[in-house]
Amino acid sequence: VQLVESGGGLVQTGGSLRLSCAASGSWVSLNAMGWYRQVPRKEREMVAAITGGGSTNYADSVKGRFAVSMDNAKNTVYVQMNSLKPEDTAVYYCHARAAPVRGWTQDYWGQGTQVTVSS
């Protein structure tokens, strides 16, 4: 499974960005996709996730500002990020949990895209 991200960049405080991540390859099932972020010297943290059935989960710090969605036909996950704050600055990584073969589940990661929010 390969994940290709797009949509990062520089935005001012209060602005918006939308990240996209397209999954390609082969799998028995694509169970969930989502976004994590990481800043230097800190652990990677979950930002937003969505299952194939449409259930979502968000970090408390982004609830009400970020919205994750998935286009199952395109195997693409999006996160709409509104009201961005300087503390949202990080490298954002796309994540997918898929079963490449029946009975085996594996996590996959994109290469990361930088999001910088200027104050």
N, C-alpha and C. Protein backbone atom coordinates (compact mmCIF):
# COMPACT_ATOMS: atom_id res chain seq x y z
N VAL A 1 0.86 -1.18 0.00
CA VAL A 1 0.00 0.00 0.00
C VAL A 1 0.90 1.23 0.00
N GLN A 2 0.66 2.13 -0.93
CA GLN A 2 1.41 3.39 -1.01
C GLN A 2 0.46 4.53 -0.72
N LEU A 3 0.96 5.50 0.01
CA LEU A 3 0.17 6.67 0.37
C LEU A 3 0.87 7.92 -0.16
N VAL A 4 0.13 8.73 -0.89
CA VAL A 4 0.68 9.96 -1.45
C VAL A 4 -0.13 11.14 -0.93
N GLU A 5 0.58 12.02 -0.23
CA GLU A 5 -0.08 13.17 0.41
C GLU A 5 0.08 14.41 -0.45
N SER A 6 -0.84 15.34 -0.26
CA SER A 6 -0.72 16.64 -0.89
C SER A 6 -1.50 17.65 -0.08
N GLY A 7 -1.15 18.94 -0.25
CA GLY A 7 -1.95 20.00 0.33
C GLY A 7 -1.32 20.76 1.46
N GLY A 8 -0.13 20.41 1.88
CA GLY A 8 0.50 21.17 2.95
C GLY A 8 0.95 22.53 2.47
N GLY A 9 1.45 23.34 3.41
CA GLY A 9 1.95 24.65 3.03
C GLY A 9 1.97 25.61 4.19
N LEU A 10 2.08 26.88 3.85
CA LEU A 10 2.15 27.97 4.82
C LEU A 10 0.84 28.74 4.81
N VAL A 11 0.31 28.99 6.00
CA VAL A 11 -0.94 29.72 6.12
C VAL A 11 -0.88 30.60 7.36
N GLN A 12 -1.63 31.67 7.36
CA GLN A 12 -1.67 32.55 8.52
C GLN A 12 -2.64 32.01 9.57
N THR A 13 -2.44 32.46 10.79
CA THR A 13 -3.36 32.09 11.87
C THR A 13 -4.79 32.41 11.47
N GLY A 14 -5.68 31.45 11.72
CA GLY A 14 -7.07 31.60 11.35
C GLY A 14 -7.41 31.11 9.97
N GLY A 15 -6.40 30.77 9.20
CA GLY A 15 -6.62 30.31 7.84
C GLY A 15 -7.00 28.84 7.77
N SER A 16 -7.11 28.35 6.54
CA SER A 16 -7.55 26.97 6.31
C SER A 16 -6.63 26.28 5.30
N LEU A 17 -6.55 24.98 5.45
CA LEU A 17 -5.85 24.13 4.50
C LEU A 17 -6.61 22.82 4.40
N ARG A 18 -6.49 22.16 3.27
CA ARG A 18 -7.03 20.82 3.12
C ARG A 18 -5.93 19.89 2.66
N LEU A 19 -5.72 18.85 3.42
CA LEU A 19 -4.76 17.81 3.06
C LEU A 19 -5.49 16.64 2.41
N SER A 20 -4.83 16.04 1.43
CA SER A 20 -5.37 14.87 0.75
C SER A 20 -4.34 13.75 0.80
N CYS A 21 -4.83 12.54 0.81
CA CYS A 21 -3.94 11.38 0.80
C CYS A 21 -4.62 10.27 0.02
N ALA A 22 -3.97 9.86 -1.06
CA ALA A 22 -4.50 8.80 -1.89
C ALA A 22 -3.75 7.50 -1.65
N ALA A 23 -4.49 6.44 -1.45
CA ALA A 23 -3.90 5.11 -1.25
C ALA A 23 -3.95 4.33 -2.55
N SER A 24 -2.87 3.64 -2.84
CA SER A 24 -2.84 2.79 -4.02
C SER A 24 -2.15 1.48 -3.67
N GLY A 25 -2.34 0.48 -4.51
CA GLY A 25 -1.76 -0.82 -4.25
C GLY A 25 -2.85 -1.87 -4.20
N SER A 26 -2.60 -2.91 -3.46
CA SER A 26 -3.61 -3.97 -3.34
C SER A 26 -3.81 -4.33 -1.89
N TRP A 27 -5.03 -4.66 -1.57
CA TRP A 27 -5.38 -5.04 -0.21
C TRP A 27 -6.69 -5.80 -0.21
N VAL A 28 -6.86 -6.57 0.84
CA VAL A 28 -8.14 -7.25 1.03
C VAL A 28 -9.16 -6.28 1.59
N SER A 29 -8.71 -5.44 2.52
CA SER A 29 -9.60 -4.44 3.09
C SER A 29 -8.77 -3.24 3.51
N LEU A 30 -9.37 -2.07 3.37
CA LEU A 30 -8.77 -0.82 3.84
C LEU A 30 -9.61 -0.40 5.03
N ASN A 31 -9.08 -0.66 6.22
CA ASN A 31 -9.91 -0.57 7.41
C ASN A 31 -10.11 0.86 7.91
N ALA A 32 -9.08 1.65 7.82
CA ALA A 32 -9.16 3.02 8.33
C ALA A 32 -8.06 3.84 7.71
N MET A 33 -8.31 5.13 7.64
CA MET A 33 -7.28 6.08 7.21
C MET A 33 -7.36 7.30 8.10
N GLY A 34 -6.30 8.07 8.08
CA GLY A 34 -6.33 9.26 8.91
C GLY A 34 -5.03 10.02 8.85
N TRP A 35 -4.88 10.92 9.81
CA TRP A 35 -3.75 11.83 9.84
C TRP A 35 -3.15 11.89 11.24
N TYR A 36 -1.83 11.88 11.27
CA TYR A 36 -1.05 12.10 12.47
C TYR A 36 -0.16 13.31 12.21
N ARG A 37 0.38 13.87 13.27
CA ARG A 37 1.33 14.97 13.10
C ARG A 37 2.44 14.83 14.12
N GLN A 38 3.57 15.45 13.77
CA GLN A 38 4.74 15.36 14.63
C GLN A 38 5.54 16.63 14.55
N VAL A 39 5.99 17.09 15.71
CA VAL A 39 6.92 18.21 15.79
C VAL A 39 8.21 17.69 16.39
N PRO A 40 9.31 18.40 16.18
CA PRO A 40 10.60 17.92 16.68
C PRO A 40 10.58 17.64 18.18
N ARG A 41 11.18 16.54 18.56
CA ARG A 41 11.36 16.13 19.95
C ARG A 41 10.06 15.73 20.63
N LYS A 42 9.02 15.50 19.85
CA LYS A 42 7.76 15.02 20.42
C LYS A 42 7.30 13.79 19.66
N GLU A 43 6.47 12.99 20.31
CA GLU A 43 5.95 11.81 19.67
C GLU A 43 4.89 12.19 18.63
N ARG A 44 4.76 11.31 17.66
CA ARG A 44 3.72 11.50 16.66
C ARG A 44 2.36 11.32 17.34
N GLU A 45 1.43 12.20 17.03
CA GLU A 45 0.12 12.14 17.65
C GLU A 45 -0.99 12.04 16.60
N MET A 46 -2.03 11.32 16.96
CA MET A 46 -3.19 11.19 16.08
C MET A 46 -3.92 12.52 16.04
N VAL A 47 -4.30 12.93 14.84
CA VAL A 47 -5.06 14.16 14.66
C VAL A 47 -6.52 13.83 14.34
N ALA A 48 -6.73 13.02 13.32
CA ALA A 48 -8.08 12.68 12.89
C ALA A 48 -8.02 11.37 12.15
N ALA A 49 -9.05 10.56 12.33
CA ALA A 49 -9.10 9.25 11.69
C ALA A 49 -10.53 8.92 11.32
N ILE A 50 -10.65 8.08 10.30
CA ILE A 50 -11.97 7.66 9.83
C ILE A 50 -11.89 6.21 9.40
N THR A 51 -12.91 5.44 9.76
CA THR A 51 -12.96 4.05 9.35
C THR A 51 -13.66 3.93 8.00
N GLY A 52 -13.57 2.75 7.44
CA GLY A 52 -14.27 2.52 6.17
C GLY A 52 -15.77 2.68 6.31
N GLY A 53 -16.29 2.49 7.51
CA GLY A 53 -17.72 2.65 7.76
C GLY A 53 -18.13 4.08 8.05
N GLY A 54 -17.14 4.97 8.16
CA GLY A 54 -17.44 6.38 8.35
C GLY A 54 -17.33 6.89 9.78
N SER A 55 -16.95 6.04 10.71
CA SER A 55 -16.77 6.52 12.08
C SER A 55 -15.51 7.37 12.16
N THR A 56 -15.59 8.47 12.90
CA THR A 56 -14.47 9.40 12.99
C THR A 56 -13.98 9.54 14.42
N ASN A 57 -12.75 9.97 14.54
CA ASN A 57 -12.14 10.21 15.83
C ASN A 57 -11.17 11.38 15.69
N TYR A 58 -11.17 12.26 16.66
CA TYR A 58 -10.34 13.46 16.60
C TYR A 58 -9.56 13.65 17.89
N ALA A 59 -8.40 14.26 17.76
CA ALA A 59 -7.70 14.74 18.94
C ALA A 59 -8.49 15.89 19.54
N ASP A 60 -8.46 15.98 20.86
CA ASP A 60 -9.22 17.04 21.53
C ASP A 60 -8.81 18.42 21.03
N SER A 61 -7.55 18.58 20.69
CA SER A 61 -7.04 19.89 20.30
C SER A 61 -7.56 20.38 18.96
N VAL A 62 -8.15 19.49 18.16
CA VAL A 62 -8.62 19.89 16.84
C VAL A 62 -10.12 19.76 16.68
N LYS A 63 -10.81 19.24 17.68
CA LYS A 63 -12.26 19.07 17.59
C LYS A 63 -12.93 20.41 17.33
N GLY A 64 -13.86 20.40 16.38
CA GLY A 64 -14.56 21.61 16.01
C GLY A 64 -13.84 22.45 14.97
N ARG A 65 -12.58 22.13 14.70
CA ARG A 65 -11.82 22.90 13.70
C ARG A 65 -11.44 22.05 12.49
N PHE A 66 -11.18 20.79 12.71
CA PHE A 66 -10.77 19.88 11.64
C PHE A 66 -11.91 18.93 11.32
N ALA A 67 -12.00 18.54 10.06
CA ALA A 67 -13.00 17.57 9.63
C ALA A 67 -12.35 16.57 8.69
N VAL A 68 -12.43 15.30 9.04
CA VAL A 68 -11.85 14.24 8.21
C VAL A 68 -12.96 13.58 7.40
N SER A 69 -12.65 13.23 6.18
CA SER A 69 -13.61 12.56 5.31
C SER A 69 -12.86 11.60 4.40
N MET A 70 -13.62 10.70 3.81
CA MET A 70 -13.00 9.69 2.96
C MET A 70 -13.86 9.44 1.75
N ASP A 71 -13.22 9.39 0.59
CA ASP A 71 -13.87 9.01 -0.65
C ASP A 71 -13.49 7.57 -0.92
N ASN A 72 -14.40 6.66 -0.60
CA ASN A 72 -14.08 5.23 -0.72
C ASN A 72 -13.80 4.83 -2.18
N ALA A 73 -14.46 5.48 -3.11
CA ALA A 73 -14.27 5.14 -4.52
C ALA A 73 -12.86 5.49 -4.99
N LYS A 74 -12.30 6.54 -4.40
CA LYS A 74 -10.97 7.00 -4.79
C LYS A 74 -9.90 6.56 -3.80
N ASN A 75 -10.31 5.88 -2.73
CA ASN A 75 -9.35 5.47 -1.69
C ASN A 75 -8.53 6.66 -1.21
N THR A 76 -9.21 7.75 -0.99
CA THR A 76 -8.56 9.00 -0.62
C THR A 76 -9.18 9.55 0.66
N VAL A 77 -8.32 9.97 1.56
CA VAL A 77 -8.76 10.60 2.80
C VAL A 77 -8.38 12.07 2.76
N TYR A 78 -9.24 12.89 3.31
CA TYR A 78 -9.03 14.33 3.36
C TYR A 78 -9.13 14.79 4.82
N VAL A 79 -8.47 15.88 5.10
CA VAL A 79 -8.73 16.58 6.35
C VAL A 79 -8.82 18.06 6.03
N GLN A 80 -9.96 18.63 6.33
CA GLN A 80 -10.17 20.07 6.19
C GLN A 80 -9.79 20.70 7.51
N MET A 81 -8.81 21.58 7.47
CA MET A 81 -8.31 22.22 8.69
C MET A 81 -8.67 23.69 8.67
N ASN A 82 -9.53 24.10 9.58
CA ASN A 82 -9.98 25.48 9.68
C ASN A 82 -9.49 26.10 10.98
N SER A 83 -9.55 27.41 11.03
CA SER A 83 -9.15 28.16 12.23
C SER A 83 -7.79 27.69 12.73
N LEU A 84 -6.85 27.61 11.82
CA LEU A 84 -5.54 27.09 12.16
C LEU A 84 -4.81 28.00 13.14
N LYS A 85 -4.04 27.35 14.01
CA LYS A 85 -3.28 28.04 15.04
C LYS A 85 -1.80 27.74 14.87
N PRO A 86 -0.92 28.58 15.39
CA PRO A 86 0.52 28.28 15.29
C PRO A 86 0.87 26.92 15.88
N GLU A 87 0.16 26.48 16.90
CA GLU A 87 0.46 25.18 17.51
C GLU A 87 0.04 24.00 16.63
N ASP A 88 -0.63 24.28 15.52
CA ASP A 88 -0.93 23.22 14.55
C ASP A 88 0.25 22.98 13.61
N THR A 89 1.26 23.82 13.69
CA THR A 89 2.44 23.65 12.85
C THR A 89 3.11 22.32 13.14
N ALA A 90 3.31 21.52 12.11
CA ALA A 90 3.88 20.19 12.27
C ALA A 90 4.04 19.55 10.90
N VAL A 91 4.71 18.42 10.89
CA VAL A 91 4.67 17.56 9.71
C VAL A 91 3.48 16.62 9.88
N TYR A 92 2.62 16.61 8.90
CA TYR A 92 1.42 15.79 8.94
C TYR A 92 1.64 14.53 8.10
N TYR A 93 1.35 13.40 8.71
CA TYR A 93 1.54 12.11 8.07
C TYR A 93 0.20 11.43 7.83
N CYS A 94 0.03 10.95 6.62
CA CYS A 94 -1.13 10.13 6.32
C CYS A 94 -0.90 8.72 6.86
N HIS A 95 -1.95 8.12 7.39
CA HIS A 95 -1.87 6.78 7.94
C HIS A 95 -3.01 5.94 7.37
N ALA A 96 -2.72 4.69 7.13
CA ALA A 96 -3.74 3.74 6.71
C ALA A 96 -3.52 2.42 7.42
N ARG A 97 -4.59 1.80 7.78
CA ARG A 97 -4.55 0.43 8.34
C ARG A 97 -5.28 -0.47 7.36
N ALA A 98 -4.56 -1.40 6.80
CA ALA A 98 -5.12 -2.25 5.75
C ALA A 98 -4.69 -3.69 5.95
N ALA A 99 -5.44 -4.56 5.31
CA ALA A 99 -5.11 -5.98 5.31
C ALA A 99 -4.58 -6.33 3.93
N PRO A 100 -3.26 -6.45 3.77
CA PRO A 100 -2.72 -6.81 2.45
C PRO A 100 -3.09 -8.23 2.03
N VAL A 101 -3.27 -9.10 3.03
CA VAL A 101 -3.74 -10.45 2.78
C VAL A 101 -4.76 -10.78 3.87
N ARG A 102 -5.57 -11.76 3.63
CA ARG A 102 -6.61 -12.11 4.63
C ARG A 102 -5.95 -12.54 5.92
N GLY A 103 -6.44 -11.99 7.04
CA GLY A 103 -5.94 -12.37 8.35
C GLY A 103 -4.74 -11.59 8.83
N TRP A 104 -4.29 -10.60 8.07
CA TRP A 104 -3.11 -9.82 8.45
C TRP A 104 -3.42 -8.35 8.27
N THR A 105 -3.21 -7.57 9.32
CA THR A 105 -3.43 -6.13 9.27
C THR A 105 -2.12 -5.41 9.49
N GLN A 106 -1.92 -4.34 8.74
CA GLN A 106 -0.64 -3.63 8.82
C GLN A 106 -0.89 -2.13 8.73
N ASP A 107 -0.03 -1.37 9.38
CA ASP A 107 -0.09 0.09 9.31
C ASP A 107 0.84 0.59 8.21
N TYR A 108 0.38 1.60 7.50
CA TYR A 108 1.16 2.22 6.44
C TYR A 108 1.22 3.73 6.67
N TRP A 109 2.33 4.33 6.22
CA TRP A 109 2.54 5.76 6.44
C TRP A 109 2.94 6.45 5.15
N GLY A 110 2.46 7.69 5.01
CA GLY A 110 2.96 8.53 3.94
C GLY A 110 4.27 9.16 4.33
N GLN A 111 4.83 9.94 3.41
CA GLN A 111 6.13 10.56 3.66
C GLN A 111 6.04 11.82 4.50
N GLY A 112 4.87 12.37 4.62
CA GLY A 112 4.70 13.56 5.44
C GLY A 112 4.63 14.83 4.61
N THR A 113 3.85 15.77 5.08
CA THR A 113 3.74 17.07 4.43
C THR A 113 3.76 18.15 5.50
N GLN A 114 4.54 19.19 5.26
CA GLN A 114 4.70 20.24 6.26
C GLN A 114 3.53 21.21 6.24
N VAL A 115 3.02 21.49 7.41
CA VAL A 115 2.01 22.53 7.60
C VAL A 115 2.60 23.55 8.56
N THR A 116 2.67 24.80 8.11
CA THR A 116 3.21 25.87 8.94
C THR A 116 2.16 26.96 9.07
N VAL A 117 1.85 27.30 10.31
CA VAL A 117 0.87 28.35 10.59
C VAL A 117 1.61 29.53 11.21
N SER A 118 1.62 30.64 10.52
CA SER A 118 2.34 31.82 11.01
C SER A 118 1.44 32.65 11.90
N SER A 119 2.07 33.26 12.90
CA SER A 119 1.29 34.07 13.84
C SER A 119 1.23 35.52 13.38
